[in-house]
PDBML (XML) file of the C-alpha atoms, coordinates in Angstrom:
<?xml version="1.0" encoding="UTF-8" ?>
<PDBx:datablock datablockName="MODEL"
   xmlns:PDBx="http://pdbml.pdb.org/schema/pdbx-v50.xsd"
   xmlns:xsi="http://www.w3.org/2001/XMLSchema-instance"
   xsi:schemaLocation="http://pdbml.pdb.org/schema/pdbx-v50.xsd pdbx-v50.xsd">
   <PDBx:atom_siteCategory>
      <PDBx:atom_site id="1">
         <PDBx:B_iso_or_equiv>0.00</PDBx:B_iso_or_equiv>
         <PDBx:Cartn_x>159.161</PDBx:Cartn_x>
         <PDBx:Cartn_y>28.396</PDBx:Cartn_y>
         <PDBx:Cartn_z>107.259</PDBx:Cartn_z>
         <PDBx:auth_asym_id>A</PDBx:auth_asym_id>
         <PDBx:auth_atom_id>CA</PDBx:auth_atom_id>
         <PDBx:auth_comp_id>CYS</PDBx:auth_comp_id>
         <PDBx:auth_seq_id>1</PDBx:auth_seq_id>
         <PDBx:group_PDB>ATOM</PDBx:group_PDB>
         <PDBx:label_alt_id xsi:nil="true" />
         <PDBx:label_asym_id>A</PDBx:label_asym_id>
         <PDBx:label_atom_id>CA</PDBx:label_atom_id>
         <PDBx:label_comp_id>CYS</PDBx:label_comp_id>
         <PDBx:label_entity_id>1</PDBx:label_entity_id>
         <PDBx:label_seq_id>1</PDBx:label_seq_id>
         <PDBx:occupancy>1.00</PDBx:occupancy>
         <PDBx:pdbx_PDB_model_num>1</PDBx:pdbx_PDB_model_num>
         <PDBx:type_symbol>C</PDBx:type_symbol>
      </PDBx:atom_site>
      <PDBx:atom_site id="2">
         <PDBx:B_iso_or_equiv>0.00</PDBx:B_iso_or_equiv>
         <PDBx:Cartn_x>158.515</PDBx:Cartn_x>
         <PDBx:Cartn_y>25.457</PDBx:Cartn_y>
         <PDBx:Cartn_z>104.941</PDBx:Cartn_z>
         <PDBx:auth_asym_id>A</PDBx:auth_asym_id>
         <PDBx:auth_atom_id>CA</PDBx:auth_atom_id>
         <PDBx:auth_comp_id>ARG</PDBx:auth_comp_id>
         <PDBx:auth_seq_id>2</PDBx:auth_seq_id>
         <PDBx:group_PDB>ATOM</PDBx:group_PDB>
         <PDBx:label_alt_id xsi:nil="true" />
         <PDBx:label_asym_id>A</PDBx:label_asym_id>
         <PDBx:label_atom_id>CA</PDBx:label_atom_id>
         <PDBx:label_comp_id>ARG</PDBx:label_comp_id>
         <PDBx:label_entity_id>1</PDBx:label_entity_id>
         <PDBx:label_seq_id>2</PDBx:label_seq_id>
         <PDBx:occupancy>1.00</PDBx:occupancy>
         <PDBx:pdbx_PDB_model_num>1</PDBx:pdbx_PDB_model_num>
         <PDBx:type_symbol>C</PDBx:type_symbol>
      </PDBx:atom_site>
      <PDBx:atom_site id="3">
         <PDBx:B_iso_or_equiv>0.00</PDBx:B_iso_or_equiv>
         <PDBx:Cartn_x>154.736</PDBx:Cartn_x>
         <PDBx:Cartn_y>25.884</PDBx:Cartn_y>
         <PDBx:Cartn_z>105.144</PDBx:Cartn_z>
         <PDBx:auth_asym_id>A</PDBx:auth_asym_id>
         <PDBx:auth_atom_id>CA</PDBx:auth_atom_id>
         <PDBx:auth_comp_id>LYS</PDBx:auth_comp_id>
         <PDBx:auth_seq_id>3</PDBx:auth_seq_id>
         <PDBx:group_PDB>ATOM</PDBx:group_PDB>
         <PDBx:label_alt_id xsi:nil="true" />
         <PDBx:label_asym_id>A</PDBx:label_asym_id>
         <PDBx:label_atom_id>CA</PDBx:label_atom_id>
         <PDBx:label_comp_id>LYS</PDBx:label_comp_id>
         <PDBx:label_entity_id>1</PDBx:label_entity_id>
         <PDBx:label_seq_id>3</PDBx:label_seq_id>
         <PDBx:occupancy>1.00</PDBx:occupancy>
         <PDBx:pdbx_PDB_model_num>1</PDBx:pdbx_PDB_model_num>
         <PDBx:type_symbol>C</PDBx:type_symbol>
      </PDBx:atom_site>
      <PDBx:atom_site id="4">
         <PDBx:B_iso_or_equiv>0.00</PDBx:B_iso_or_equiv>
         <PDBx:Cartn_x>154.853</PDBx:Cartn_x>
         <PDBx:Cartn_y>29.601</PDBx:Cartn_y>
         <PDBx:Cartn_z>104.273</PDBx:Cartn_z>
         <PDBx:auth_asym_id>A</PDBx:auth_asym_id>
         <PDBx:auth_atom_id>CA</PDBx:auth_atom_id>
         <PDBx:auth_comp_id>VAL</PDBx:auth_comp_id>
         <PDBx:auth_seq_id>4</PDBx:auth_seq_id>
         <PDBx:group_PDB>ATOM</PDBx:group_PDB>
         <PDBx:label_alt_id xsi:nil="true" />
         <PDBx:label_asym_id>A</PDBx:label_asym_id>
         <PDBx:label_atom_id>CA</PDBx:label_atom_id>
         <PDBx:label_comp_id>VAL</PDBx:label_comp_id>
         <PDBx:label_entity_id>1</PDBx:label_entity_id>
         <PDBx:label_seq_id>4</PDBx:label_seq_id>
         <PDBx:occupancy>1.00</PDBx:occupancy>
         <PDBx:pdbx_PDB_model_num>1</PDBx:pdbx_PDB_model_num>
         <PDBx:type_symbol>C</PDBx:type_symbol>
      </PDBx:atom_site>
      <PDBx:atom_site id="5">
         <PDBx:B_iso_or_equiv>0.00</PDBx:B_iso_or_equiv>
         <PDBx:Cartn_x>157.604</PDBx:Cartn_x>
         <PDBx:Cartn_y>28.997</PDBx:Cartn_y>
         <PDBx:Cartn_z>101.640</PDBx:Cartn_z>
         <PDBx:auth_asym_id>A</PDBx:auth_asym_id>
         <PDBx:auth_atom_id>CA</PDBx:auth_atom_id>
         <PDBx:auth_comp_id>LYS</PDBx:auth_comp_id>
         <PDBx:auth_seq_id>5</PDBx:auth_seq_id>
         <PDBx:group_PDB>ATOM</PDBx:group_PDB>
         <PDBx:label_alt_id xsi:nil="true" />
         <PDBx:label_asym_id>A</PDBx:label_asym_id>
         <PDBx:label_atom_id>CA</PDBx:label_atom_id>
         <PDBx:label_comp_id>LYS</PDBx:label_comp_id>
         <PDBx:label_entity_id>1</PDBx:label_entity_id>
         <PDBx:label_seq_id>5</PDBx:label_seq_id>
         <PDBx:occupancy>1.00</PDBx:occupancy>
         <PDBx:pdbx_PDB_model_num>1</PDBx:pdbx_PDB_model_num>
         <PDBx:type_symbol>C</PDBx:type_symbol>
      </PDBx:atom_site>
      <PDBx:atom_site id="6">
         <PDBx:B_iso_or_equiv>0.00</PDBx:B_iso_or_equiv>
         <PDBx:Cartn_x>160.154</PDBx:Cartn_x>
         <PDBx:Cartn_y>31.141</PDBx:Cartn_y>
         <PDBx:Cartn_z>103.488</PDBx:Cartn_z>
         <PDBx:auth_asym_id>A</PDBx:auth_asym_id>
         <PDBx:auth_atom_id>CA</PDBx:auth_atom_id>
         <PDBx:auth_comp_id>LEU</PDBx:auth_comp_id>
         <PDBx:auth_seq_id>6</PDBx:auth_seq_id>
         <PDBx:group_PDB>ATOM</PDBx:group_PDB>
         <PDBx:label_alt_id xsi:nil="true" />
         <PDBx:label_asym_id>A</PDBx:label_asym_id>
         <PDBx:label_atom_id>CA</PDBx:label_atom_id>
         <PDBx:label_comp_id>LEU</PDBx:label_comp_id>
         <PDBx:label_entity_id>1</PDBx:label_entity_id>
         <PDBx:label_seq_id>6</PDBx:label_seq_id>
         <PDBx:occupancy>1.00</PDBx:occupancy>
         <PDBx:pdbx_PDB_model_num>1</PDBx:pdbx_PDB_model_num>
         <PDBx:type_symbol>C</PDBx:type_symbol>
      </PDBx:atom_site>
      <PDBx:atom_site id="7">
         <PDBx:B_iso_or_equiv>0.00</PDBx:B_iso_or_equiv>
         <PDBx:Cartn_x>163.703</PDBx:Cartn_x>
         <PDBx:Cartn_y>30.069</PDBx:Cartn_y>
         <PDBx:Cartn_z>102.513</PDBx:Cartn_z>
         <PDBx:auth_asym_id>A</PDBx:auth_asym_id>
         <PDBx:auth_atom_id>CA</PDBx:auth_atom_id>
         <PDBx:auth_comp_id>PRO</PDBx:auth_comp_id>
         <PDBx:auth_seq_id>7</PDBx:auth_seq_id>
         <PDBx:group_PDB>ATOM</PDBx:group_PDB>
         <PDBx:label_alt_id xsi:nil="true" />
         <PDBx:label_asym_id>A</PDBx:label_asym_id>
         <PDBx:label_atom_id>CA</PDBx:label_atom_id>
         <PDBx:label_comp_id>PRO</PDBx:label_comp_id>
         <PDBx:label_entity_id>1</PDBx:label_entity_id>
         <PDBx:label_seq_id>7</PDBx:label_seq_id>
         <PDBx:occupancy>1.00</PDBx:occupancy>
         <PDBx:pdbx_PDB_model_num>1</PDBx:pdbx_PDB_model_num>
         <PDBx:type_symbol>C</PDBx:type_symbol>
      </PDBx:atom_site>
      <PDBx:atom_site id="8">
         <PDBx:B_iso_or_equiv>0.00</PDBx:B_iso_or_equiv>
         <PDBx:Cartn_x>165.906</PDBx:Cartn_x>
         <PDBx:Cartn_y>29.047</PDBx:Cartn_y>
         <PDBx:Cartn_z>105.459</PDBx:Cartn_z>
         <PDBx:auth_asym_id>A</PDBx:auth_asym_id>
         <PDBx:auth_atom_id>CA</PDBx:auth_atom_id>
         <PDBx:auth_comp_id>ILE</PDBx:auth_comp_id>
         <PDBx:auth_seq_id>8</PDBx:auth_seq_id>
         <PDBx:group_PDB>ATOM</PDBx:group_PDB>
         <PDBx:label_alt_id xsi:nil="true" />
         <PDBx:label_asym_id>A</PDBx:label_asym_id>
         <PDBx:label_atom_id>CA</PDBx:label_atom_id>
         <PDBx:label_comp_id>ILE</PDBx:label_comp_id>
         <PDBx:label_entity_id>1</PDBx:label_entity_id>
         <PDBx:label_seq_id>8</PDBx:label_seq_id>
         <PDBx:occupancy>1.00</PDBx:occupancy>
         <PDBx:pdbx_PDB_model_num>1</PDBx:pdbx_PDB_model_num>
         <PDBx:type_symbol>C</PDBx:type_symbol>
      </PDBx:atom_site>
      <PDBx:atom_site id="9">
         <PDBx:B_iso_or_equiv>0.00</PDBx:B_iso_or_equiv>
         <PDBx:Cartn_x>169.421</PDBx:Cartn_x>
         <PDBx:Cartn_y>30.511</PDBx:Cartn_y>
         <PDBx:Cartn_z>105.271</PDBx:Cartn_z>
         <PDBx:auth_asym_id>A</PDBx:auth_asym_id>
         <PDBx:auth_atom_id>CA</PDBx:auth_atom_id>
         <PDBx:auth_comp_id>ILE</PDBx:auth_comp_id>
         <PDBx:auth_seq_id>9</PDBx:auth_seq_id>
         <PDBx:group_PDB>ATOM</PDBx:group_PDB>
         <PDBx:label_alt_id xsi:nil="true" />
         <PDBx:label_asym_id>A</PDBx:label_asym_id>
         <PDBx:label_atom_id>CA</PDBx:label_atom_id>
         <PDBx:label_comp_id>ILE</PDBx:label_comp_id>
         <PDBx:label_entity_id>1</PDBx:label_entity_id>
         <PDBx:label_seq_id>9</PDBx:label_seq_id>
         <PDBx:occupancy>1.00</PDBx:occupancy>
         <PDBx:pdbx_PDB_model_num>1</PDBx:pdbx_PDB_model_num>
         <PDBx:type_symbol>C</PDBx:type_symbol>
      </PDBx:atom_site>
      <PDBx:atom_site id="10">
         <PDBx:B_iso_or_equiv>0.00</PDBx:B_iso_or_equiv>
         <PDBx:Cartn_x>170.458</PDBx:Cartn_x>
         <PDBx:Cartn_y>28.363</PDBx:Cartn_y>
         <PDBx:Cartn_z>108.230</PDBx:Cartn_z>
         <PDBx:auth_asym_id>A</PDBx:auth_asym_id>
         <PDBx:auth_atom_id>CA</PDBx:auth_atom_id>
         <PDBx:auth_comp_id>GLY</PDBx:auth_comp_id>
         <PDBx:auth_seq_id>10</PDBx:auth_seq_id>
         <PDBx:group_PDB>ATOM</PDBx:group_PDB>
         <PDBx:label_alt_id xsi:nil="true" />
         <PDBx:label_asym_id>A</PDBx:label_asym_id>
         <PDBx:label_atom_id>CA</PDBx:label_atom_id>
         <PDBx:label_comp_id>GLY</PDBx:label_comp_id>
         <PDBx:label_entity_id>1</PDBx:label_entity_id>
         <PDBx:label_seq_id>10</PDBx:label_seq_id>
         <PDBx:occupancy>1.00</PDBx:occupancy>
         <PDBx:pdbx_PDB_model_num>1</PDBx:pdbx_PDB_model_num>
         <PDBx:type_symbol>C</PDBx:type_symbol>
      </PDBx:atom_site>
      <PDBx:atom_site id="11">
         <PDBx:B_iso_or_equiv>0.00</PDBx:B_iso_or_equiv>
         <PDBx:Cartn_x>170.547</PDBx:Cartn_x>
         <PDBx:Cartn_y>27.807</PDBx:Cartn_y>
         <PDBx:Cartn_z>111.983</PDBx:Cartn_z>
         <PDBx:auth_asym_id>A</PDBx:auth_asym_id>
         <PDBx:auth_atom_id>CA</PDBx:auth_atom_id>
         <PDBx:auth_comp_id>VAL</PDBx:auth_comp_id>
         <PDBx:auth_seq_id>11</PDBx:auth_seq_id>
         <PDBx:group_PDB>ATOM</PDBx:group_PDB>
         <PDBx:label_alt_id xsi:nil="true" />
         <PDBx:label_asym_id>A</PDBx:label_asym_id>
         <PDBx:label_atom_id>CA</PDBx:label_atom_id>
         <PDBx:label_comp_id>VAL</PDBx:label_comp_id>
         <PDBx:label_entity_id>1</PDBx:label_entity_id>
         <PDBx:label_seq_id>11</PDBx:label_seq_id>
         <PDBx:occupancy>1.00</PDBx:occupancy>
         <PDBx:pdbx_PDB_model_num>1</PDBx:pdbx_PDB_model_num>
         <PDBx:type_symbol>C</PDBx:type_symbol>
      </PDBx:atom_site>
      <PDBx:atom_site id="12">
         <PDBx:B_iso_or_equiv>0.00</PDBx:B_iso_or_equiv>
         <PDBx:Cartn_x>172.838</PDBx:Cartn_x>
         <PDBx:Cartn_y>29.482</PDBx:Cartn_y>
         <PDBx:Cartn_z>114.532</PDBx:Cartn_z>
         <PDBx:auth_asym_id>A</PDBx:auth_asym_id>
         <PDBx:auth_atom_id>CA</PDBx:auth_atom_id>
         <PDBx:auth_comp_id>VAL</PDBx:auth_comp_id>
         <PDBx:auth_seq_id>12</PDBx:auth_seq_id>
         <PDBx:group_PDB>ATOM</PDBx:group_PDB>
         <PDBx:label_alt_id xsi:nil="true" />
         <PDBx:label_asym_id>A</PDBx:label_asym_id>
         <PDBx:label_atom_id>CA</PDBx:label_atom_id>
         <PDBx:label_comp_id>VAL</PDBx:label_comp_id>
         <PDBx:label_entity_id>1</PDBx:label_entity_id>
         <PDBx:label_seq_id>12</PDBx:label_seq_id>
         <PDBx:occupancy>1.00</PDBx:occupancy>
         <PDBx:pdbx_PDB_model_num>1</PDBx:pdbx_PDB_model_num>
         <PDBx:type_symbol>C</PDBx:type_symbol>
      </PDBx:atom_site>
      <PDBx:atom_site id="13">
         <PDBx:B_iso_or_equiv>0.00</PDBx:B_iso_or_equiv>
         <PDBx:Cartn_x>173.583</PDBx:Cartn_x>
         <PDBx:Cartn_y>27.627</PDBx:Cartn_y>
         <PDBx:Cartn_z>117.773</PDBx:Cartn_z>
         <PDBx:auth_asym_id>A</PDBx:auth_asym_id>
         <PDBx:auth_atom_id>CA</PDBx:auth_atom_id>
         <PDBx:auth_comp_id>GLU</PDBx:auth_comp_id>
         <PDBx:auth_seq_id>13</PDBx:auth_seq_id>
         <PDBx:group_PDB>ATOM</PDBx:group_PDB>
         <PDBx:label_alt_id xsi:nil="true" />
         <PDBx:label_asym_id>A</PDBx:label_asym_id>
         <PDBx:label_atom_id>CA</PDBx:label_atom_id>
         <PDBx:label_comp_id>GLU</PDBx:label_comp_id>
         <PDBx:label_entity_id>1</PDBx:label_entity_id>
         <PDBx:label_seq_id>13</PDBx:label_seq_id>
         <PDBx:occupancy>1.00</PDBx:occupancy>
         <PDBx:pdbx_PDB_model_num>1</PDBx:pdbx_PDB_model_num>
         <PDBx:type_symbol>C</PDBx:type_symbol>
      </PDBx:atom_site>
      <PDBx:atom_site id="14">
         <PDBx:B_iso_or_equiv>0.00</PDBx:B_iso_or_equiv>
         <PDBx:Cartn_x>173.993</PDBx:Cartn_x>
         <PDBx:Cartn_y>30.331</PDBx:Cartn_y>
         <PDBx:Cartn_z>120.402</PDBx:Cartn_z>
         <PDBx:auth_asym_id>A</PDBx:auth_asym_id>
         <PDBx:auth_atom_id>CA</PDBx:auth_atom_id>
         <PDBx:auth_comp_id>ASN</PDBx:auth_comp_id>
         <PDBx:auth_seq_id>14</PDBx:auth_seq_id>
         <PDBx:group_PDB>ATOM</PDBx:group_PDB>
         <PDBx:label_alt_id xsi:nil="true" />
         <PDBx:label_asym_id>A</PDBx:label_asym_id>
         <PDBx:label_atom_id>CA</PDBx:label_atom_id>
         <PDBx:label_comp_id>ASN</PDBx:label_comp_id>
         <PDBx:label_entity_id>1</PDBx:label_entity_id>
         <PDBx:label_seq_id>14</PDBx:label_seq_id>
         <PDBx:occupancy>1.00</PDBx:occupancy>
         <PDBx:pdbx_PDB_model_num>1</PDBx:pdbx_PDB_model_num>
         <PDBx:type_symbol>C</PDBx:type_symbol>
      </PDBx:atom_site>
      <PDBx:atom_site id="15">
         <PDBx:B_iso_or_equiv>0.00</PDBx:B_iso_or_equiv>
         <PDBx:Cartn_x>175.487</PDBx:Cartn_x>
         <PDBx:Cartn_y>29.879</PDBx:Cartn_y>
         <PDBx:Cartn_z>123.920</PDBx:Cartn_z>
         <PDBx:auth_asym_id>A</PDBx:auth_asym_id>
         <PDBx:auth_atom_id>CA</PDBx:auth_atom_id>
         <PDBx:auth_comp_id>MET</PDBx:auth_comp_id>
         <PDBx:auth_seq_id>15</PDBx:auth_seq_id>
         <PDBx:group_PDB>ATOM</PDBx:group_PDB>
         <PDBx:label_alt_id xsi:nil="true" />
         <PDBx:label_asym_id>A</PDBx:label_asym_id>
         <PDBx:label_atom_id>CA</PDBx:label_atom_id>
         <PDBx:label_comp_id>MET</PDBx:label_comp_id>
         <PDBx:label_entity_id>1</PDBx:label_entity_id>
         <PDBx:label_seq_id>15</PDBx:label_seq_id>
         <PDBx:occupancy>1.00</PDBx:occupancy>
         <PDBx:pdbx_PDB_model_num>1</PDBx:pdbx_PDB_model_num>
         <PDBx:type_symbol>C</PDBx:type_symbol>
      </PDBx:atom_site>
      <PDBx:atom_site id="16">
         <PDBx:B_iso_or_equiv>0.00</PDBx:B_iso_or_equiv>
         <PDBx:Cartn_x>177.333</PDBx:Cartn_x>
         <PDBx:Cartn_y>26.848</PDBx:Cartn_y>
         <PDBx:Cartn_z>122.606</PDBx:Cartn_z>
         <PDBx:auth_asym_id>A</PDBx:auth_asym_id>
         <PDBx:auth_atom_id>CA</PDBx:auth_atom_id>
         <PDBx:auth_comp_id>SER</PDBx:auth_comp_id>
         <PDBx:auth_seq_id>16</PDBx:auth_seq_id>
         <PDBx:group_PDB>ATOM</PDBx:group_PDB>
         <PDBx:label_alt_id xsi:nil="true" />
         <PDBx:label_asym_id>A</PDBx:label_asym_id>
         <PDBx:label_atom_id>CA</PDBx:label_atom_id>
         <PDBx:label_comp_id>SER</PDBx:label_comp_id>
         <PDBx:label_entity_id>1</PDBx:label_entity_id>
         <PDBx:label_seq_id>16</PDBx:label_seq_id>
         <PDBx:occupancy>1.00</PDBx:occupancy>
         <PDBx:pdbx_PDB_model_num>1</PDBx:pdbx_PDB_model_num>
         <PDBx:type_symbol>C</PDBx:type_symbol>
      </PDBx:atom_site>
      <PDBx:atom_site id="17">
         <PDBx:B_iso_or_equiv>0.00</PDBx:B_iso_or_equiv>
         <PDBx:Cartn_x>179.735</PDBx:Cartn_x>
         <PDBx:Cartn_y>26.004</PDBx:Cartn_y>
         <PDBx:Cartn_z>125.431</PDBx:Cartn_z>
         <PDBx:auth_asym_id>A</PDBx:auth_asym_id>
         <PDBx:auth_atom_id>CA</PDBx:auth_atom_id>
         <PDBx:auth_comp_id>GLY</PDBx:auth_comp_id>
         <PDBx:auth_seq_id>17</PDBx:auth_seq_id>
         <PDBx:group_PDB>ATOM</PDBx:group_PDB>
         <PDBx:label_alt_id xsi:nil="true" />
         <PDBx:label_asym_id>A</PDBx:label_asym_id>
         <PDBx:label_atom_id>CA</PDBx:label_atom_id>
         <PDBx:label_comp_id>GLY</PDBx:label_comp_id>
         <PDBx:label_entity_id>1</PDBx:label_entity_id>
         <PDBx:label_seq_id>17</PDBx:label_seq_id>
         <PDBx:occupancy>1.00</PDBx:occupancy>
         <PDBx:pdbx_PDB_model_num>1</PDBx:pdbx_PDB_model_num>
         <PDBx:type_symbol>C</PDBx:type_symbol>
      </PDBx:atom_site>
      <PDBx:atom_site id="18">
         <PDBx:B_iso_or_equiv>0.00</PDBx:B_iso_or_equiv>
         <PDBx:Cartn_x>181.671</PDBx:Cartn_x>
         <PDBx:Cartn_y>28.316</PDBx:Cartn_y>
         <PDBx:Cartn_z>127.765</PDBx:Cartn_z>
         <PDBx:auth_asym_id>A</PDBx:auth_asym_id>
         <PDBx:auth_atom_id>CA</PDBx:auth_atom_id>
         <PDBx:auth_comp_id>PHE</PDBx:auth_comp_id>
         <PDBx:auth_seq_id>18</PDBx:auth_seq_id>
         <PDBx:group_PDB>ATOM</PDBx:group_PDB>
         <PDBx:label_alt_id xsi:nil="true" />
         <PDBx:label_asym_id>A</PDBx:label_asym_id>
         <PDBx:label_atom_id>CA</PDBx:label_atom_id>
         <PDBx:label_comp_id>PHE</PDBx:label_comp_id>
         <PDBx:label_entity_id>1</PDBx:label_entity_id>
         <PDBx:label_seq_id>18</PDBx:label_seq_id>
         <PDBx:occupancy>1.00</PDBx:occupancy>
         <PDBx:pdbx_PDB_model_num>1</PDBx:pdbx_PDB_model_num>
         <PDBx:type_symbol>C</PDBx:type_symbol>
      </PDBx:atom_site>
      <PDBx:atom_site id="19">
         <PDBx:B_iso_or_equiv>0.00</PDBx:B_iso_or_equiv>
         <PDBx:Cartn_x>185.463</PDBx:Cartn_x>
         <PDBx:Cartn_y>28.553</PDBx:Cartn_y>
         <PDBx:Cartn_z>127.892</PDBx:Cartn_z>
         <PDBx:auth_asym_id>A</PDBx:auth_asym_id>
         <PDBx:auth_atom_id>CA</PDBx:auth_atom_id>
         <PDBx:auth_comp_id>VAL</PDBx:auth_comp_id>
         <PDBx:auth_seq_id>19</PDBx:auth_seq_id>
         <PDBx:group_PDB>ATOM</PDBx:group_PDB>
         <PDBx:label_alt_id xsi:nil="true" />
         <PDBx:label_asym_id>A</PDBx:label_asym_id>
         <PDBx:label_atom_id>CA</PDBx:label_atom_id>
         <PDBx:label_comp_id>VAL</PDBx:label_comp_id>
         <PDBx:label_entity_id>1</PDBx:label_entity_id>
         <PDBx:label_seq_id>19</PDBx:label_seq_id>
         <PDBx:occupancy>1.00</PDBx:occupancy>
         <PDBx:pdbx_PDB_model_num>1</PDBx:pdbx_PDB_model_num>
         <PDBx:type_symbol>C</PDBx:type_symbol>
      </PDBx:atom_site>
      <PDBx:atom_site id="20">
         <PDBx:B_iso_or_equiv>0.00</PDBx:B_iso_or_equiv>
         <PDBx:Cartn_x>186.708</PDBx:Cartn_x>
         <PDBx:Cartn_y>29.583</PDBx:Cartn_y>
         <PDBx:Cartn_z>131.344</PDBx:Cartn_z>
         <PDBx:auth_asym_id>A</PDBx:auth_asym_id>
         <PDBx:auth_atom_id>CA</PDBx:auth_atom_id>
         <PDBx:auth_comp_id>CYS</PDBx:auth_comp_id>
         <PDBx:auth_seq_id>20</PDBx:auth_seq_id>
         <PDBx:group_PDB>ATOM</PDBx:group_PDB>
         <PDBx:label_alt_id xsi:nil="true" />
         <PDBx:label_asym_id>A</PDBx:label_asym_id>
         <PDBx:label_atom_id>CA</PDBx:label_atom_id>
         <PDBx:label_comp_id>CYS</PDBx:label_comp_id>
         <PDBx:label_entity_id>1</PDBx:label_entity_id>
         <PDBx:label_seq_id>20</PDBx:label_seq_id>
         <PDBx:occupancy>1.00</PDBx:occupancy>
         <PDBx:pdbx_PDB_model_num>1</PDBx:pdbx_PDB_model_num>
         <PDBx:type_symbol>C</PDBx:type_symbol>
      </PDBx:atom_site>
      <PDBx:atom_site id="21">
         <PDBx:B_iso_or_equiv>0.00</PDBx:B_iso_or_equiv>
         <PDBx:Cartn_x>188.944</PDBx:Cartn_x>
         <PDBx:Cartn_y>32.665</PDBx:Cartn_y>
         <PDBx:Cartn_z>130.923</PDBx:Cartn_z>
         <PDBx:auth_asym_id>A</PDBx:auth_asym_id>
         <PDBx:auth_atom_id>CA</PDBx:auth_atom_id>
         <PDBx:auth_comp_id>PRO</PDBx:auth_comp_id>
         <PDBx:auth_seq_id>21</PDBx:auth_seq_id>
         <PDBx:group_PDB>ATOM</PDBx:group_PDB>
         <PDBx:label_alt_id xsi:nil="true" />
         <PDBx:label_asym_id>A</PDBx:label_asym_id>
         <PDBx:label_atom_id>CA</PDBx:label_atom_id>
         <PDBx:label_comp_id>PRO</PDBx:label_comp_id>
         <PDBx:label_entity_id>1</PDBx:label_entity_id>
         <PDBx:label_seq_id>21</PDBx:label_seq_id>
         <PDBx:occupancy>1.00</PDBx:occupancy>
         <PDBx:pdbx_PDB_model_num>1</PDBx:pdbx_PDB_model_num>
         <PDBx:type_symbol>C</PDBx:type_symbol>
      </PDBx:atom_site>
      <PDBx:atom_site id="22">
         <PDBx:B_iso_or_equiv>0.00</PDBx:B_iso_or_equiv>
         <PDBx:Cartn_x>191.284</PDBx:Cartn_x>
         <PDBx:Cartn_y>31.399</PDBx:Cartn_y>
         <PDBx:Cartn_z>133.690</PDBx:Cartn_z>
         <PDBx:auth_asym_id>A</PDBx:auth_asym_id>
         <PDBx:auth_atom_id>CA</PDBx:auth_atom_id>
         <PDBx:auth_comp_id>LYS</PDBx:auth_comp_id>
         <PDBx:auth_seq_id>22</PDBx:auth_seq_id>
         <PDBx:group_PDB>ATOM</PDBx:group_PDB>
         <PDBx:label_alt_id xsi:nil="true" />
         <PDBx:label_asym_id>A</PDBx:label_asym_id>
         <PDBx:label_atom_id>CA</PDBx:label_atom_id>
         <PDBx:label_comp_id>LYS</PDBx:label_comp_id>
         <PDBx:label_entity_id>1</PDBx:label_entity_id>
         <PDBx:label_seq_id>22</PDBx:label_seq_id>
         <PDBx:occupancy>1.00</PDBx:occupancy>
         <PDBx:pdbx_PDB_model_num>1</PDBx:pdbx_PDB_model_num>
         <PDBx:type_symbol>C</PDBx:type_symbol>
      </PDBx:atom_site>
      <PDBx:atom_site id="23">
         <PDBx:B_iso_or_equiv>0.00</PDBx:B_iso_or_equiv>
         <PDBx:Cartn_x>191.676</PDBx:Cartn_x>
         <PDBx:Cartn_y>27.642</PDBx:Cartn_y>
         <PDBx:Cartn_z>133.255</PDBx:Cartn_z>
         <PDBx:auth_asym_id>A</PDBx:auth_asym_id>
         <PDBx:auth_atom_id>CA</PDBx:auth_atom_id>
         <PDBx:auth_comp_id>CYS</PDBx:auth_comp_id>
         <PDBx:auth_seq_id>23</PDBx:auth_seq_id>
         <PDBx:group_PDB>ATOM</PDBx:group_PDB>
         <PDBx:label_alt_id xsi:nil="true" />
         <PDBx:label_asym_id>A</PDBx:label_asym_id>
         <PDBx:label_atom_id>CA</PDBx:label_atom_id>
         <PDBx:label_comp_id>CYS</PDBx:label_comp_id>
         <PDBx:label_entity_id>1</PDBx:label_entity_id>
         <PDBx:label_seq_id>23</PDBx:label_seq_id>
         <PDBx:occupancy>1.00</PDBx:occupancy>
         <PDBx:pdbx_PDB_model_num>1</PDBx:pdbx_PDB_model_num>
         <PDBx:type_symbol>C</PDBx:type_symbol>
      </PDBx:atom_site>
      <PDBx:atom_site id="24">
         <PDBx:B_iso_or_equiv>0.00</PDBx:B_iso_or_equiv>
         <PDBx:Cartn_x>190.602</PDBx:Cartn_x>
         <PDBx:Cartn_y>27.546</PDBx:Cartn_y>
         <PDBx:Cartn_z>129.551</PDBx:Cartn_z>
         <PDBx:auth_asym_id>A</PDBx:auth_asym_id>
         <PDBx:auth_atom_id>CA</PDBx:auth_atom_id>
         <PDBx:auth_comp_id>LYS</PDBx:auth_comp_id>
         <PDBx:auth_seq_id>24</PDBx:auth_seq_id>
         <PDBx:group_PDB>ATOM</PDBx:group_PDB>
         <PDBx:label_alt_id xsi:nil="true" />
         <PDBx:label_asym_id>A</PDBx:label_asym_id>
         <PDBx:label_atom_id>CA</PDBx:label_atom_id>
         <PDBx:label_comp_id>LYS</PDBx:label_comp_id>
         <PDBx:label_entity_id>1</PDBx:label_entity_id>
         <PDBx:label_seq_id>24</PDBx:label_seq_id>
         <PDBx:occupancy>1.00</PDBx:occupancy>
         <PDBx:pdbx_PDB_model_num>1</PDBx:pdbx_PDB_model_num>
         <PDBx:type_symbol>C</PDBx:type_symbol>
      </PDBx:atom_site>
   </PDBx:atom_siteCategory>
</PDBx:datablock>
């Protein structure tokens, strides 16, 4: 992105932890 001068809005961290629906 920096080399082609494409602005970076930001980064999204996906699959960031898993909360168990039963024990939380």
